[in-house]
PDBML (XML) file of the C-alpha atoms, coordinates in Angstrom:
<?xml version="1.0" encoding="UTF-8" ?>
<PDBx:datablock datablockName="MODEL"
   xmlns:PDBx="http://pdbml.pdb.org/schema/pdbx-v50.xsd"
   xmlns:xsi="http://www.w3.org/2001/XMLSchema-instance"
   xsi:schemaLocation="http://pdbml.pdb.org/schema/pdbx-v50.xsd pdbx-v50.xsd">
   <PDBx:atom_siteCategory>
      <PDBx:atom_site id="1">
         <PDBx:B_iso_or_equiv>0.00</PDBx:B_iso_or_equiv>
         <PDBx:Cartn_x>128.190</PDBx:Cartn_x>
         <PDBx:Cartn_y>6.016</PDBx:Cartn_y>
         <PDBx:Cartn_z>120.297</PDBx:Cartn_z>
         <PDBx:auth_asym_id>A</PDBx:auth_asym_id>
         <PDBx:auth_atom_id>CA</PDBx:auth_atom_id>
         <PDBx:auth_comp_id>TRP</PDBx:auth_comp_id>
         <PDBx:auth_seq_id>1</PDBx:auth_seq_id>
         <PDBx:group_PDB>ATOM</PDBx:group_PDB>
         <PDBx:label_alt_id xsi:nil="true" />
         <PDBx:label_asym_id>A</PDBx:label_asym_id>
         <PDBx:label_atom_id>CA</PDBx:label_atom_id>
         <PDBx:label_comp_id>TRP</PDBx:label_comp_id>
         <PDBx:label_entity_id>1</PDBx:label_entity_id>
         <PDBx:label_seq_id>1</PDBx:label_seq_id>
         <PDBx:occupancy>1.00</PDBx:occupancy>
         <PDBx:pdbx_PDB_model_num>1</PDBx:pdbx_PDB_model_num>
         <PDBx:type_symbol>C</PDBx:type_symbol>
      </PDBx:atom_site>
      <PDBx:atom_site id="2">
         <PDBx:B_iso_or_equiv>0.00</PDBx:B_iso_or_equiv>
         <PDBx:Cartn_x>129.977</PDBx:Cartn_x>
         <PDBx:Cartn_y>2.669</PDBx:Cartn_y>
         <PDBx:Cartn_z>119.919</PDBx:Cartn_z>
         <PDBx:auth_asym_id>A</PDBx:auth_asym_id>
         <PDBx:auth_atom_id>CA</PDBx:auth_atom_id>
         <PDBx:auth_comp_id>GLU</PDBx:auth_comp_id>
         <PDBx:auth_seq_id>2</PDBx:auth_seq_id>
         <PDBx:group_PDB>ATOM</PDBx:group_PDB>
         <PDBx:label_alt_id xsi:nil="true" />
         <PDBx:label_asym_id>A</PDBx:label_asym_id>
         <PDBx:label_atom_id>CA</PDBx:label_atom_id>
         <PDBx:label_comp_id>GLU</PDBx:label_comp_id>
         <PDBx:label_entity_id>1</PDBx:label_entity_id>
         <PDBx:label_seq_id>2</PDBx:label_seq_id>
         <PDBx:occupancy>1.00</PDBx:occupancy>
         <PDBx:pdbx_PDB_model_num>1</PDBx:pdbx_PDB_model_num>
         <PDBx:type_symbol>C</PDBx:type_symbol>
      </PDBx:atom_site>
      <PDBx:atom_site id="3">
         <PDBx:B_iso_or_equiv>0.00</PDBx:B_iso_or_equiv>
         <PDBx:Cartn_x>126.904</PDBx:Cartn_x>
         <PDBx:Cartn_y>0.968</PDBx:Cartn_y>
         <PDBx:Cartn_z>118.467</PDBx:Cartn_z>
         <PDBx:auth_asym_id>A</PDBx:auth_asym_id>
         <PDBx:auth_atom_id>CA</PDBx:auth_atom_id>
         <PDBx:auth_comp_id>TYR</PDBx:auth_comp_id>
         <PDBx:auth_seq_id>3</PDBx:auth_seq_id>
         <PDBx:group_PDB>ATOM</PDBx:group_PDB>
         <PDBx:label_alt_id xsi:nil="true" />
         <PDBx:label_asym_id>A</PDBx:label_asym_id>
         <PDBx:label_atom_id>CA</PDBx:label_atom_id>
         <PDBx:label_comp_id>TYR</PDBx:label_comp_id>
         <PDBx:label_entity_id>1</PDBx:label_entity_id>
         <PDBx:label_seq_id>3</PDBx:label_seq_id>
         <PDBx:occupancy>1.00</PDBx:occupancy>
         <PDBx:pdbx_PDB_model_num>1</PDBx:pdbx_PDB_model_num>
         <PDBx:type_symbol>C</PDBx:type_symbol>
      </PDBx:atom_site>
      <PDBx:atom_site id="4">
         <PDBx:B_iso_or_equiv>0.00</PDBx:B_iso_or_equiv>
         <PDBx:Cartn_x>126.438</PDBx:Cartn_x>
         <PDBx:Cartn_y>3.804</PDBx:Cartn_y>
         <PDBx:Cartn_z>115.962</PDBx:Cartn_z>
         <PDBx:auth_asym_id>A</PDBx:auth_asym_id>
         <PDBx:auth_atom_id>CA</PDBx:auth_atom_id>
         <PDBx:auth_comp_id>ALA</PDBx:auth_comp_id>
         <PDBx:auth_seq_id>4</PDBx:auth_seq_id>
         <PDBx:group_PDB>ATOM</PDBx:group_PDB>
         <PDBx:label_alt_id xsi:nil="true" />
         <PDBx:label_asym_id>A</PDBx:label_asym_id>
         <PDBx:label_atom_id>CA</PDBx:label_atom_id>
         <PDBx:label_comp_id>ALA</PDBx:label_comp_id>
         <PDBx:label_entity_id>1</PDBx:label_entity_id>
         <PDBx:label_seq_id>4</PDBx:label_seq_id>
         <PDBx:occupancy>1.00</PDBx:occupancy>
         <PDBx:pdbx_PDB_model_num>1</PDBx:pdbx_PDB_model_num>
         <PDBx:type_symbol>C</PDBx:type_symbol>
      </PDBx:atom_site>
      <PDBx:atom_site id="5">
         <PDBx:B_iso_or_equiv>0.00</PDBx:B_iso_or_equiv>
         <PDBx:Cartn_x>130.143</PDBx:Cartn_x>
         <PDBx:Cartn_y>3.841</PDBx:Cartn_y>
         <PDBx:Cartn_z>115.076</PDBx:Cartn_z>
         <PDBx:auth_asym_id>A</PDBx:auth_asym_id>
         <PDBx:auth_atom_id>CA</PDBx:auth_atom_id>
         <PDBx:auth_comp_id>ALA</PDBx:auth_comp_id>
         <PDBx:auth_seq_id>5</PDBx:auth_seq_id>
         <PDBx:group_PDB>ATOM</PDBx:group_PDB>
         <PDBx:label_alt_id xsi:nil="true" />
         <PDBx:label_asym_id>A</PDBx:label_asym_id>
         <PDBx:label_atom_id>CA</PDBx:label_atom_id>
         <PDBx:label_comp_id>ALA</PDBx:label_comp_id>
         <PDBx:label_entity_id>1</PDBx:label_entity_id>
         <PDBx:label_seq_id>5</PDBx:label_seq_id>
         <PDBx:occupancy>1.00</PDBx:occupancy>
         <PDBx:pdbx_PDB_model_num>1</PDBx:pdbx_PDB_model_num>
         <PDBx:type_symbol>C</PDBx:type_symbol>
      </PDBx:atom_site>
      <PDBx:atom_site id="6">
         <PDBx:B_iso_or_equiv>0.00</PDBx:B_iso_or_equiv>
         <PDBx:Cartn_x>130.076</PDBx:Cartn_x>
         <PDBx:Cartn_y>0.175</PDBx:Cartn_y>
         <PDBx:Cartn_z>114.062</PDBx:Cartn_z>
         <PDBx:auth_asym_id>A</PDBx:auth_asym_id>
         <PDBx:auth_atom_id>CA</PDBx:auth_atom_id>
         <PDBx:auth_comp_id>ARG</PDBx:auth_comp_id>
         <PDBx:auth_seq_id>6</PDBx:auth_seq_id>
         <PDBx:group_PDB>ATOM</PDBx:group_PDB>
         <PDBx:label_alt_id xsi:nil="true" />
         <PDBx:label_asym_id>A</PDBx:label_asym_id>
         <PDBx:label_atom_id>CA</PDBx:label_atom_id>
         <PDBx:label_comp_id>ARG</PDBx:label_comp_id>
         <PDBx:label_entity_id>1</PDBx:label_entity_id>
         <PDBx:label_seq_id>6</PDBx:label_seq_id>
         <PDBx:occupancy>1.00</PDBx:occupancy>
         <PDBx:pdbx_PDB_model_num>1</PDBx:pdbx_PDB_model_num>
         <PDBx:type_symbol>C</PDBx:type_symbol>
      </PDBx:atom_site>
      <PDBx:atom_site id="7">
         <PDBx:B_iso_or_equiv>0.00</PDBx:B_iso_or_equiv>
         <PDBx:Cartn_x>127.193</PDBx:Cartn_x>
         <PDBx:Cartn_y>0.814</PDBx:Cartn_y>
         <PDBx:Cartn_z>111.682</PDBx:Cartn_z>
         <PDBx:auth_asym_id>A</PDBx:auth_asym_id>
         <PDBx:auth_atom_id>CA</PDBx:auth_atom_id>
         <PDBx:auth_comp_id>GLY</PDBx:auth_comp_id>
         <PDBx:auth_seq_id>7</PDBx:auth_seq_id>
         <PDBx:group_PDB>ATOM</PDBx:group_PDB>
         <PDBx:label_alt_id xsi:nil="true" />
         <PDBx:label_asym_id>A</PDBx:label_asym_id>
         <PDBx:label_atom_id>CA</PDBx:label_atom_id>
         <PDBx:label_comp_id>GLY</PDBx:label_comp_id>
         <PDBx:label_entity_id>1</PDBx:label_entity_id>
         <PDBx:label_seq_id>7</PDBx:label_seq_id>
         <PDBx:occupancy>1.00</PDBx:occupancy>
         <PDBx:pdbx_PDB_model_num>1</PDBx:pdbx_PDB_model_num>
         <PDBx:type_symbol>C</PDBx:type_symbol>
      </PDBx:atom_site>
      <PDBx:atom_site id="8">
         <PDBx:B_iso_or_equiv>0.00</PDBx:B_iso_or_equiv>
         <PDBx:Cartn_x>125.643</PDBx:Cartn_x>
         <PDBx:Cartn_y>-2.608</PDBx:Cartn_y>
         <PDBx:Cartn_z>112.198</PDBx:Cartn_z>
         <PDBx:auth_asym_id>A</PDBx:auth_asym_id>
         <PDBx:auth_atom_id>CA</PDBx:auth_atom_id>
         <PDBx:auth_comp_id>GLY</PDBx:auth_comp_id>
         <PDBx:auth_seq_id>8</PDBx:auth_seq_id>
         <PDBx:group_PDB>ATOM</PDBx:group_PDB>
         <PDBx:label_alt_id xsi:nil="true" />
         <PDBx:label_asym_id>A</PDBx:label_asym_id>
         <PDBx:label_atom_id>CA</PDBx:label_atom_id>
         <PDBx:label_comp_id>GLY</PDBx:label_comp_id>
         <PDBx:label_entity_id>1</PDBx:label_entity_id>
         <PDBx:label_seq_id>8</PDBx:label_seq_id>
         <PDBx:occupancy>1.00</PDBx:occupancy>
         <PDBx:pdbx_PDB_model_num>1</PDBx:pdbx_PDB_model_num>
         <PDBx:type_symbol>C</PDBx:type_symbol>
      </PDBx:atom_site>
      <PDBx:atom_site id="9">
         <PDBx:B_iso_or_equiv>0.00</PDBx:B_iso_or_equiv>
         <PDBx:Cartn_x>128.960</PDBx:Cartn_x>
         <PDBx:Cartn_y>-4.467</PDBx:Cartn_y>
         <PDBx:Cartn_z>111.848</PDBx:Cartn_z>
         <PDBx:auth_asym_id>A</PDBx:auth_asym_id>
         <PDBx:auth_atom_id>CA</PDBx:auth_atom_id>
         <PDBx:auth_comp_id>ARG</PDBx:auth_comp_id>
         <PDBx:auth_seq_id>9</PDBx:auth_seq_id>
         <PDBx:group_PDB>ATOM</PDBx:group_PDB>
         <PDBx:label_alt_id xsi:nil="true" />
         <PDBx:label_asym_id>A</PDBx:label_asym_id>
         <PDBx:label_atom_id>CA</PDBx:label_atom_id>
         <PDBx:label_comp_id>ARG</PDBx:label_comp_id>
         <PDBx:label_entity_id>1</PDBx:label_entity_id>
         <PDBx:label_seq_id>9</PDBx:label_seq_id>
         <PDBx:occupancy>1.00</PDBx:occupancy>
         <PDBx:pdbx_PDB_model_num>1</PDBx:pdbx_PDB_model_num>
         <PDBx:type_symbol>C</PDBx:type_symbol>
      </PDBx:atom_site>
      <PDBx:atom_site id="10">
         <PDBx:B_iso_or_equiv>0.00</PDBx:B_iso_or_equiv>
         <PDBx:Cartn_x>129.209</PDBx:Cartn_x>
         <PDBx:Cartn_y>-6.389</PDBx:Cartn_y>
         <PDBx:Cartn_z>115.108</PDBx:Cartn_z>
         <PDBx:auth_asym_id>A</PDBx:auth_asym_id>
         <PDBx:auth_atom_id>CA</PDBx:auth_atom_id>
         <PDBx:auth_comp_id>ASP</PDBx:auth_comp_id>
         <PDBx:auth_seq_id>10</PDBx:auth_seq_id>
         <PDBx:group_PDB>ATOM</PDBx:group_PDB>
         <PDBx:label_alt_id xsi:nil="true" />
         <PDBx:label_asym_id>A</PDBx:label_asym_id>
         <PDBx:label_atom_id>CA</PDBx:label_atom_id>
         <PDBx:label_comp_id>ASP</PDBx:label_comp_id>
         <PDBx:label_entity_id>1</PDBx:label_entity_id>
         <PDBx:label_seq_id>10</PDBx:label_seq_id>
         <PDBx:occupancy>1.00</PDBx:occupancy>
         <PDBx:pdbx_PDB_model_num>1</PDBx:pdbx_PDB_model_num>
         <PDBx:type_symbol>C</PDBx:type_symbol>
      </PDBx:atom_site>
      <PDBx:atom_site id="11">
         <PDBx:B_iso_or_equiv>0.00</PDBx:B_iso_or_equiv>
         <PDBx:Cartn_x>132.763</PDBx:Cartn_x>
         <PDBx:Cartn_y>-6.598</PDBx:Cartn_y>
         <PDBx:Cartn_z>116.471</PDBx:Cartn_z>
         <PDBx:auth_asym_id>A</PDBx:auth_asym_id>
         <PDBx:auth_atom_id>CA</PDBx:auth_atom_id>
         <PDBx:auth_comp_id>MET</PDBx:auth_comp_id>
         <PDBx:auth_seq_id>11</PDBx:auth_seq_id>
         <PDBx:group_PDB>ATOM</PDBx:group_PDB>
         <PDBx:label_alt_id xsi:nil="true" />
         <PDBx:label_asym_id>A</PDBx:label_asym_id>
         <PDBx:label_atom_id>CA</PDBx:label_atom_id>
         <PDBx:label_comp_id>MET</PDBx:label_comp_id>
         <PDBx:label_entity_id>1</PDBx:label_entity_id>
         <PDBx:label_seq_id>11</PDBx:label_seq_id>
         <PDBx:occupancy>1.00</PDBx:occupancy>
         <PDBx:pdbx_PDB_model_num>1</PDBx:pdbx_PDB_model_num>
         <PDBx:type_symbol>C</PDBx:type_symbol>
      </PDBx:atom_site>
      <PDBx:atom_site id="12">
         <PDBx:B_iso_or_equiv>0.00</PDBx:B_iso_or_equiv>
         <PDBx:Cartn_x>134.067</PDBx:Cartn_x>
         <PDBx:Cartn_y>-4.340</PDBx:Cartn_y>
         <PDBx:Cartn_z>113.697</PDBx:Cartn_z>
         <PDBx:auth_asym_id>A</PDBx:auth_asym_id>
         <PDBx:auth_atom_id>CA</PDBx:auth_atom_id>
         <PDBx:auth_comp_id>ALA</PDBx:auth_comp_id>
         <PDBx:auth_seq_id>12</PDBx:auth_seq_id>
         <PDBx:group_PDB>ATOM</PDBx:group_PDB>
         <PDBx:label_alt_id xsi:nil="true" />
         <PDBx:label_asym_id>A</PDBx:label_asym_id>
         <PDBx:label_atom_id>CA</PDBx:label_atom_id>
         <PDBx:label_comp_id>ALA</PDBx:label_comp_id>
         <PDBx:label_entity_id>1</PDBx:label_entity_id>
         <PDBx:label_seq_id>12</PDBx:label_seq_id>
         <PDBx:occupancy>1.00</PDBx:occupancy>
         <PDBx:pdbx_PDB_model_num>1</PDBx:pdbx_PDB_model_num>
         <PDBx:type_symbol>C</PDBx:type_symbol>
      </PDBx:atom_site>
      <PDBx:atom_site id="13">
         <PDBx:B_iso_or_equiv>0.00</PDBx:B_iso_or_equiv>
         <PDBx:Cartn_x>137.436</PDBx:Cartn_x>
         <PDBx:Cartn_y>-2.819</PDBx:Cartn_y>
         <PDBx:Cartn_z>114.518</PDBx:Cartn_z>
         <PDBx:auth_asym_id>A</PDBx:auth_asym_id>
         <PDBx:auth_atom_id>CA</PDBx:auth_atom_id>
         <PDBx:auth_comp_id>LYS</PDBx:auth_comp_id>
         <PDBx:auth_seq_id>13</PDBx:auth_seq_id>
         <PDBx:group_PDB>ATOM</PDBx:group_PDB>
         <PDBx:label_alt_id xsi:nil="true" />
         <PDBx:label_asym_id>A</PDBx:label_asym_id>
         <PDBx:label_atom_id>CA</PDBx:label_atom_id>
         <PDBx:label_comp_id>LYS</PDBx:label_comp_id>
         <PDBx:label_entity_id>1</PDBx:label_entity_id>
         <PDBx:label_seq_id>13</PDBx:label_seq_id>
         <PDBx:occupancy>1.00</PDBx:occupancy>
         <PDBx:pdbx_PDB_model_num>1</PDBx:pdbx_PDB_model_num>
         <PDBx:type_symbol>C</PDBx:type_symbol>
      </PDBx:atom_site>
      <PDBx:atom_site id="14">
         <PDBx:B_iso_or_equiv>0.00</PDBx:B_iso_or_equiv>
         <PDBx:Cartn_x>136.696</PDBx:Cartn_x>
         <PDBx:Cartn_y>0.381</PDBx:Cartn_y>
         <PDBx:Cartn_z>112.591</PDBx:Cartn_z>
         <PDBx:auth_asym_id>A</PDBx:auth_asym_id>
         <PDBx:auth_atom_id>CA</PDBx:auth_atom_id>
         <PDBx:auth_comp_id>TYR</PDBx:auth_comp_id>
         <PDBx:auth_seq_id>14</PDBx:auth_seq_id>
         <PDBx:group_PDB>ATOM</PDBx:group_PDB>
         <PDBx:label_alt_id xsi:nil="true" />
         <PDBx:label_asym_id>A</PDBx:label_asym_id>
         <PDBx:label_atom_id>CA</PDBx:label_atom_id>
         <PDBx:label_comp_id>TYR</PDBx:label_comp_id>
         <PDBx:label_entity_id>1</PDBx:label_entity_id>
         <PDBx:label_seq_id>14</PDBx:label_seq_id>
         <PDBx:occupancy>1.00</PDBx:occupancy>
         <PDBx:pdbx_PDB_model_num>1</PDBx:pdbx_PDB_model_num>
         <PDBx:type_symbol>C</PDBx:type_symbol>
      </PDBx:atom_site>
      <PDBx:atom_site id="15">
         <PDBx:B_iso_or_equiv>0.00</PDBx:B_iso_or_equiv>
         <PDBx:Cartn_x>133.457</PDBx:Cartn_x>
         <PDBx:Cartn_y>1.968</PDBx:Cartn_y>
         <PDBx:Cartn_z>111.322</PDBx:Cartn_z>
         <PDBx:auth_asym_id>A</PDBx:auth_asym_id>
         <PDBx:auth_atom_id>CA</PDBx:auth_atom_id>
         <PDBx:auth_comp_id>PRO</PDBx:auth_comp_id>
         <PDBx:auth_seq_id>15</PDBx:auth_seq_id>
         <PDBx:group_PDB>ATOM</PDBx:group_PDB>
         <PDBx:label_alt_id xsi:nil="true" />
         <PDBx:label_asym_id>A</PDBx:label_asym_id>
         <PDBx:label_atom_id>CA</PDBx:label_atom_id>
         <PDBx:label_comp_id>PRO</PDBx:label_comp_id>
         <PDBx:label_entity_id>1</PDBx:label_entity_id>
         <PDBx:label_seq_id>15</PDBx:label_seq_id>
         <PDBx:occupancy>1.00</PDBx:occupancy>
         <PDBx:pdbx_PDB_model_num>1</PDBx:pdbx_PDB_model_num>
         <PDBx:type_symbol>C</PDBx:type_symbol>
      </PDBx:atom_site>
      <PDBx:atom_site id="16">
         <PDBx:B_iso_or_equiv>0.00</PDBx:B_iso_or_equiv>
         <PDBx:Cartn_x>134.284</PDBx:Cartn_x>
         <PDBx:Cartn_y>0.725</PDBx:Cartn_y>
         <PDBx:Cartn_z>107.819</PDBx:Cartn_z>
         <PDBx:auth_asym_id>A</PDBx:auth_asym_id>
         <PDBx:auth_atom_id>CA</PDBx:auth_atom_id>
         <PDBx:auth_comp_id>TRP</PDBx:auth_comp_id>
         <PDBx:auth_seq_id>16</PDBx:auth_seq_id>
         <PDBx:group_PDB>ATOM</PDBx:group_PDB>
         <PDBx:label_alt_id xsi:nil="true" />
         <PDBx:label_asym_id>A</PDBx:label_asym_id>
         <PDBx:label_atom_id>CA</PDBx:label_atom_id>
         <PDBx:label_comp_id>TRP</PDBx:label_comp_id>
         <PDBx:label_entity_id>1</PDBx:label_entity_id>
         <PDBx:label_seq_id>16</PDBx:label_seq_id>
         <PDBx:occupancy>1.00</PDBx:occupancy>
         <PDBx:pdbx_PDB_model_num>1</PDBx:pdbx_PDB_model_num>
         <PDBx:type_symbol>C</PDBx:type_symbol>
      </PDBx:atom_site>
      <PDBx:atom_site id="17">
         <PDBx:B_iso_or_equiv>0.00</PDBx:B_iso_or_equiv>
         <PDBx:Cartn_x>135.050</PDBx:Cartn_x>
         <PDBx:Cartn_y>-2.828</PDBx:Cartn_y>
         <PDBx:Cartn_z>108.989</PDBx:Cartn_z>
         <PDBx:auth_asym_id>A</PDBx:auth_asym_id>
         <PDBx:auth_atom_id>CA</PDBx:auth_atom_id>
         <PDBx:auth_comp_id>GLY</PDBx:auth_comp_id>
         <PDBx:auth_seq_id>17</PDBx:auth_seq_id>
         <PDBx:group_PDB>ATOM</PDBx:group_PDB>
         <PDBx:label_alt_id xsi:nil="true" />
         <PDBx:label_asym_id>A</PDBx:label_asym_id>
         <PDBx:label_atom_id>CA</PDBx:label_atom_id>
         <PDBx:label_comp_id>GLY</PDBx:label_comp_id>
         <PDBx:label_entity_id>1</PDBx:label_entity_id>
         <PDBx:label_seq_id>17</PDBx:label_seq_id>
         <PDBx:occupancy>1.00</PDBx:occupancy>
         <PDBx:pdbx_PDB_model_num>1</PDBx:pdbx_PDB_model_num>
         <PDBx:type_symbol>C</PDBx:type_symbol>
      </PDBx:atom_site>
      <PDBx:atom_site id="18">
         <PDBx:B_iso_or_equiv>0.00</PDBx:B_iso_or_equiv>
         <PDBx:Cartn_x>138.293</PDBx:Cartn_x>
         <PDBx:Cartn_y>-4.761</PDBx:Cartn_y>
         <PDBx:Cartn_z>109.422</PDBx:Cartn_z>
         <PDBx:auth_asym_id>A</PDBx:auth_asym_id>
         <PDBx:auth_atom_id>CA</PDBx:auth_atom_id>
         <PDBx:auth_comp_id>ASN</PDBx:auth_comp_id>
         <PDBx:auth_seq_id>18</PDBx:auth_seq_id>
         <PDBx:group_PDB>ATOM</PDBx:group_PDB>
         <PDBx:label_alt_id xsi:nil="true" />
         <PDBx:label_asym_id>A</PDBx:label_asym_id>
         <PDBx:label_atom_id>CA</PDBx:label_atom_id>
         <PDBx:label_comp_id>ASN</PDBx:label_comp_id>
         <PDBx:label_entity_id>1</PDBx:label_entity_id>
         <PDBx:label_seq_id>18</PDBx:label_seq_id>
         <PDBx:occupancy>1.00</PDBx:occupancy>
         <PDBx:pdbx_PDB_model_num>1</PDBx:pdbx_PDB_model_num>
         <PDBx:type_symbol>C</PDBx:type_symbol>
      </PDBx:atom_site>
      <PDBx:atom_site id="19">
         <PDBx:B_iso_or_equiv>0.00</PDBx:B_iso_or_equiv>
         <PDBx:Cartn_x>141.252</PDBx:Cartn_x>
         <PDBx:Cartn_y>-4.644</PDBx:Cartn_y>
         <PDBx:Cartn_z>109.569</PDBx:Cartn_z>
         <PDBx:auth_asym_id>A</PDBx:auth_asym_id>
         <PDBx:auth_atom_id>CA</PDBx:auth_atom_id>
         <PDBx:auth_comp_id>PRO</PDBx:auth_comp_id>
         <PDBx:auth_seq_id>19</PDBx:auth_seq_id>
         <PDBx:group_PDB>ATOM</PDBx:group_PDB>
         <PDBx:label_alt_id xsi:nil="true" />
         <PDBx:label_asym_id>A</PDBx:label_asym_id>
         <PDBx:label_atom_id>CA</PDBx:label_atom_id>
         <PDBx:label_comp_id>PRO</PDBx:label_comp_id>
         <PDBx:label_entity_id>1</PDBx:label_entity_id>
         <PDBx:label_seq_id>19</PDBx:label_seq_id>
         <PDBx:occupancy>1.00</PDBx:occupancy>
         <PDBx:pdbx_PDB_model_num>1</PDBx:pdbx_PDB_model_num>
         <PDBx:type_symbol>C</PDBx:type_symbol>
      </PDBx:atom_site>
      <PDBx:atom_site id="20">
         <PDBx:B_iso_or_equiv>0.00</PDBx:B_iso_or_equiv>
         <PDBx:Cartn_x>142.925</PDBx:Cartn_x>
         <PDBx:Cartn_y>-1.879</PDBx:Cartn_y>
         <PDBx:Cartn_z>107.525</PDBx:Cartn_z>
         <PDBx:auth_asym_id>A</PDBx:auth_asym_id>
         <PDBx:auth_atom_id>CA</PDBx:auth_atom_id>
         <PDBx:auth_comp_id>TYR</PDBx:auth_comp_id>
         <PDBx:auth_seq_id>20</PDBx:auth_seq_id>
         <PDBx:group_PDB>ATOM</PDBx:group_PDB>
         <PDBx:label_alt_id xsi:nil="true" />
         <PDBx:label_asym_id>A</PDBx:label_asym_id>
         <PDBx:label_atom_id>CA</PDBx:label_atom_id>
         <PDBx:label_comp_id>TYR</PDBx:label_comp_id>
         <PDBx:label_entity_id>1</PDBx:label_entity_id>
         <PDBx:label_seq_id>20</PDBx:label_seq_id>
         <PDBx:occupancy>1.00</PDBx:occupancy>
         <PDBx:pdbx_PDB_model_num>1</PDBx:pdbx_PDB_model_num>
         <PDBx:type_symbol>C</PDBx:type_symbol>
      </PDBx:atom_site>
      <PDBx:atom_site id="21">
         <PDBx:B_iso_or_equiv>0.00</PDBx:B_iso_or_equiv>
         <PDBx:Cartn_x>143.029</PDBx:Cartn_x>
         <PDBx:Cartn_y>1.919</PDBx:Cartn_y>
         <PDBx:Cartn_z>107.624</PDBx:Cartn_z>
         <PDBx:auth_asym_id>A</PDBx:auth_asym_id>
         <PDBx:auth_atom_id>CA</PDBx:auth_atom_id>
         <PDBx:auth_comp_id>ILE</PDBx:auth_comp_id>
         <PDBx:auth_seq_id>21</PDBx:auth_seq_id>
         <PDBx:group_PDB>ATOM</PDBx:group_PDB>
         <PDBx:label_alt_id xsi:nil="true" />
         <PDBx:label_asym_id>A</PDBx:label_asym_id>
         <PDBx:label_atom_id>CA</PDBx:label_atom_id>
         <PDBx:label_comp_id>ILE</PDBx:label_comp_id>
         <PDBx:label_entity_id>1</PDBx:label_entity_id>
         <PDBx:label_seq_id>21</PDBx:label_seq_id>
         <PDBx:occupancy>1.00</PDBx:occupancy>
         <PDBx:pdbx_PDB_model_num>1</PDBx:pdbx_PDB_model_num>
         <PDBx:type_symbol>C</PDBx:type_symbol>
      </PDBx:atom_site>
      <PDBx:atom_site id="22">
         <PDBx:B_iso_or_equiv>0.00</PDBx:B_iso_or_equiv>
         <PDBx:Cartn_x>143.494</PDBx:Cartn_x>
         <PDBx:Cartn_y>2.267</PDBx:Cartn_y>
         <PDBx:Cartn_z>103.836</PDBx:Cartn_z>
         <PDBx:auth_asym_id>A</PDBx:auth_asym_id>
         <PDBx:auth_atom_id>CA</PDBx:auth_atom_id>
         <PDBx:auth_comp_id>ARG</PDBx:auth_comp_id>
         <PDBx:auth_seq_id>22</PDBx:auth_seq_id>
         <PDBx:group_PDB>ATOM</PDBx:group_PDB>
         <PDBx:label_alt_id xsi:nil="true" />
         <PDBx:label_asym_id>A</PDBx:label_asym_id>
         <PDBx:label_atom_id>CA</PDBx:label_atom_id>
         <PDBx:label_comp_id>ARG</PDBx:label_comp_id>
         <PDBx:label_entity_id>1</PDBx:label_entity_id>
         <PDBx:label_seq_id>22</PDBx:label_seq_id>
         <PDBx:occupancy>1.00</PDBx:occupancy>
         <PDBx:pdbx_PDB_model_num>1</PDBx:pdbx_PDB_model_num>
         <PDBx:type_symbol>C</PDBx:type_symbol>
      </PDBx:atom_site>
      <PDBx:atom_site id="23">
         <PDBx:B_iso_or_equiv>0.00</PDBx:B_iso_or_equiv>
         <PDBx:Cartn_x>141.206</PDBx:Cartn_x>
         <PDBx:Cartn_y>1.183</PDBx:Cartn_y>
         <PDBx:Cartn_z>101.036</PDBx:Cartn_z>
         <PDBx:auth_asym_id>A</PDBx:auth_asym_id>
         <PDBx:auth_atom_id>CA</PDBx:auth_atom_id>
         <PDBx:auth_comp_id>ASN</PDBx:auth_comp_id>
         <PDBx:auth_seq_id>23</PDBx:auth_seq_id>
         <PDBx:group_PDB>ATOM</PDBx:group_PDB>
         <PDBx:label_alt_id xsi:nil="true" />
         <PDBx:label_asym_id>A</PDBx:label_asym_id>
         <PDBx:label_atom_id>CA</PDBx:label_atom_id>
         <PDBx:label_comp_id>ASN</PDBx:label_comp_id>
         <PDBx:label_entity_id>1</PDBx:label_entity_id>
         <PDBx:label_seq_id>23</PDBx:label_seq_id>
         <PDBx:occupancy>1.00</PDBx:occupancy>
         <PDBx:pdbx_PDB_model_num>1</PDBx:pdbx_PDB_model_num>
         <PDBx:type_symbol>C</PDBx:type_symbol>
      </PDBx:atom_site>
      <PDBx:atom_site id="24">
         <PDBx:B_iso_or_equiv>0.00</PDBx:B_iso_or_equiv>
         <PDBx:Cartn_x>142.224</PDBx:Cartn_x>
         <PDBx:Cartn_y>-0.958</PDBx:Cartn_y>
         <PDBx:Cartn_z>98.040</PDBx:Cartn_z>
         <PDBx:auth_asym_id>A</PDBx:auth_asym_id>
         <PDBx:auth_atom_id>CA</PDBx:auth_atom_id>
         <PDBx:auth_comp_id>ALA</PDBx:auth_comp_id>
         <PDBx:auth_seq_id>24</PDBx:auth_seq_id>
         <PDBx:group_PDB>ATOM</PDBx:group_PDB>
         <PDBx:label_alt_id xsi:nil="true" />
         <PDBx:label_asym_id>A</PDBx:label_asym_id>
         <PDBx:label_atom_id>CA</PDBx:label_atom_id>
         <PDBx:label_comp_id>ALA</PDBx:label_comp_id>
         <PDBx:label_entity_id>1</PDBx:label_entity_id>
         <PDBx:label_seq_id>24</PDBx:label_seq_id>
         <PDBx:occupancy>1.00</PDBx:occupancy>
         <PDBx:pdbx_PDB_model_num>1</PDBx:pdbx_PDB_model_num>
         <PDBx:type_symbol>C</PDBx:type_symbol>
      </PDBx:atom_site>
   </PDBx:atom_siteCategory>
</PDBx:datablock>
């Protein structure tokens, strides 16, 4: 589950990356 959630982004805080919960 954790590996899939990161989507290939090692050490990513969220599935979309780091570090925010809003987009631009």
